[in-house]
Amino acid sequence: MKFLEKYIICFYLNFKMEKRKHIFWELTLLLGSVFVFRSLWILMDRIPFFMTNKNLIIFLIIGIVMAVIGFYKIVHADNGLMKGH
């Protein structure tokens, strides 16, 4: 019985550590994404091509289409792909 208890405790501690690592890397990804987004935003503000109303409307439409497609694909994802098949 002691072996089983030790195994369960080790599994639990390992699971908690893996969870912490996962959260750490998700936060790293989030922070890195913020830096990339902010840098691109400032860079695009300095390029005159992105400042005209016509181009802003075009990029807005492209962004909306990309967001809708991405959201649709995430919501209607095939369960086989999510399980690694």
Protein backbone atom coordinates (compact mmCIF):
# COMPACT_ATOMS: atom_id res chain seq x y z
CA MET A 1 0.00 0.00 0.00
CA LYS A 2 2.89 2.39 0.69
CA PHE A 3 4.12 1.96 -2.88
CA LEU A 4 0.73 2.97 -4.27
CA GLU A 5 0.56 6.02 -1.99
CA LYS A 6 4.06 7.12 -3.03
CA TYR A 7 3.19 6.60 -6.70
CA ILE A 8 0.01 8.68 -6.40
CA ILE A 9 1.83 11.47 -4.54
CA CYS A 10 4.66 11.53 -7.13
CA PHE A 11 2.13 11.57 -9.98
CA TYR A 12 0.20 14.42 -8.33
CA LEU A 13 3.33 16.51 -7.74
CA ASN A 14 4.56 15.88 -11.28
CA PHE A 15 1.14 16.88 -12.65
CA LYS A 16 1.21 20.11 -10.63
CA MET A 17 4.72 20.88 -11.91
CA GLU A 18 3.71 20.21 -15.52
CA LYS A 19 0.67 22.45 -15.03
CA ARG A 20 2.89 25.25 -13.70
CA LYS A 21 5.26 24.90 -16.65
CA HIS A 22 2.33 24.99 -19.05
CA ILE A 23 0.95 28.15 -17.45
CA PHE A 24 4.42 29.74 -17.49
CA TRP A 25 4.83 29.07 -21.22
CA GLU A 26 1.32 30.32 -21.96
CA LEU A 27 2.12 33.57 -20.15
CA THR A 28 5.40 33.81 -22.06
CA LEU A 29 3.52 33.38 -25.32
CA LEU A 30 0.97 36.02 -24.30
CA LEU A 31 3.62 38.56 -23.32
CA GLY A 32 5.61 37.92 -26.50
CA SER A 33 2.45 38.40 -28.55
CA VAL A 34 1.83 41.76 -26.88
CA PHE A 35 5.34 42.93 -27.79
CA VAL A 36 4.95 41.80 -31.40
CA PHE A 37 1.50 43.41 -31.71
CA ARG A 38 2.69 46.70 -30.23
CA SER A 39 5.78 46.80 -32.44
CA LEU A 40 3.77 46.11 -35.59
CA TRP A 41 1.22 48.75 -34.60
CA ILE A 42 3.89 51.43 -34.18
CA LEU A 43 5.67 50.33 -37.36
CA MET A 44 2.45 50.54 -39.37
CA ASP A 45 1.79 54.04 -37.97
CA ARG A 46 5.08 55.20 -39.52
CA ILE A 47 4.36 53.91 -43.02
CA PRO A 48 2.20 56.32 -45.08
CA PHE A 49 0.69 53.43 -47.09
CA PHE A 50 -1.26 52.31 -44.02
CA MET A 51 -2.59 55.79 -43.23
CA THR A 52 -5.04 56.30 -46.12
CA ASN A 53 -8.73 55.70 -45.50
CA LYS A 54 -9.04 53.35 -48.48
CA ASN A 55 -6.24 51.10 -47.26
CA LEU A 56 -7.52 51.15 -43.67
CA ILE A 57 -10.94 49.98 -44.85
CA ILE A 58 -9.34 47.21 -46.96
CA PHE A 59 -7.22 46.02 -44.02
CA LEU A 60 -10.25 46.19 -41.70
CA ILE A 61 -12.25 43.95 -44.06
CA ILE A 62 -9.32 41.53 -44.44
CA GLY A 63 -8.90 41.42 -40.65
CA ILE A 64 -12.59 40.76 -40.06
CA VAL A 65 -12.62 37.94 -42.63
CA MET A 66 -9.49 36.37 -41.13
CA ALA A 67 -10.92 36.63 -37.58
CA VAL A 68 -14.26 35.08 -38.60
CA ILE A 69 -12.55 32.21 -40.43
CA GLY A 70 -10.17 31.58 -37.52
CA PHE A 71 -12.99 31.70 -34.97
CA TYR A 72 -15.11 29.34 -37.08
CA LYS A 73 -12.23 26.85 -37.46
CA ILE A 74 -11.54 26.89 -33.71
CA VAL A 75 -15.19 26.45 -32.73
CA HIS A 76 -15.84 23.72 -35.29
CA ALA A 77 -12.49 21.94 -34.93
CA ASP A 78 -12.45 18.25 -35.74
CA ASN A 79 -12.08 16.32 -32.47
CA GLY A 80 -9.63 13.94 -34.16
CA LEU A 81 -7.23 16.80 -34.78
CA MET A 82 -7.47 17.98 -31.20
CA LYS A 83 -6.61 14.48 -29.91
CA GLY A 84 -3.50 14.21 -32.06
CA HIS A 85 -4.84 11.71 -34.64
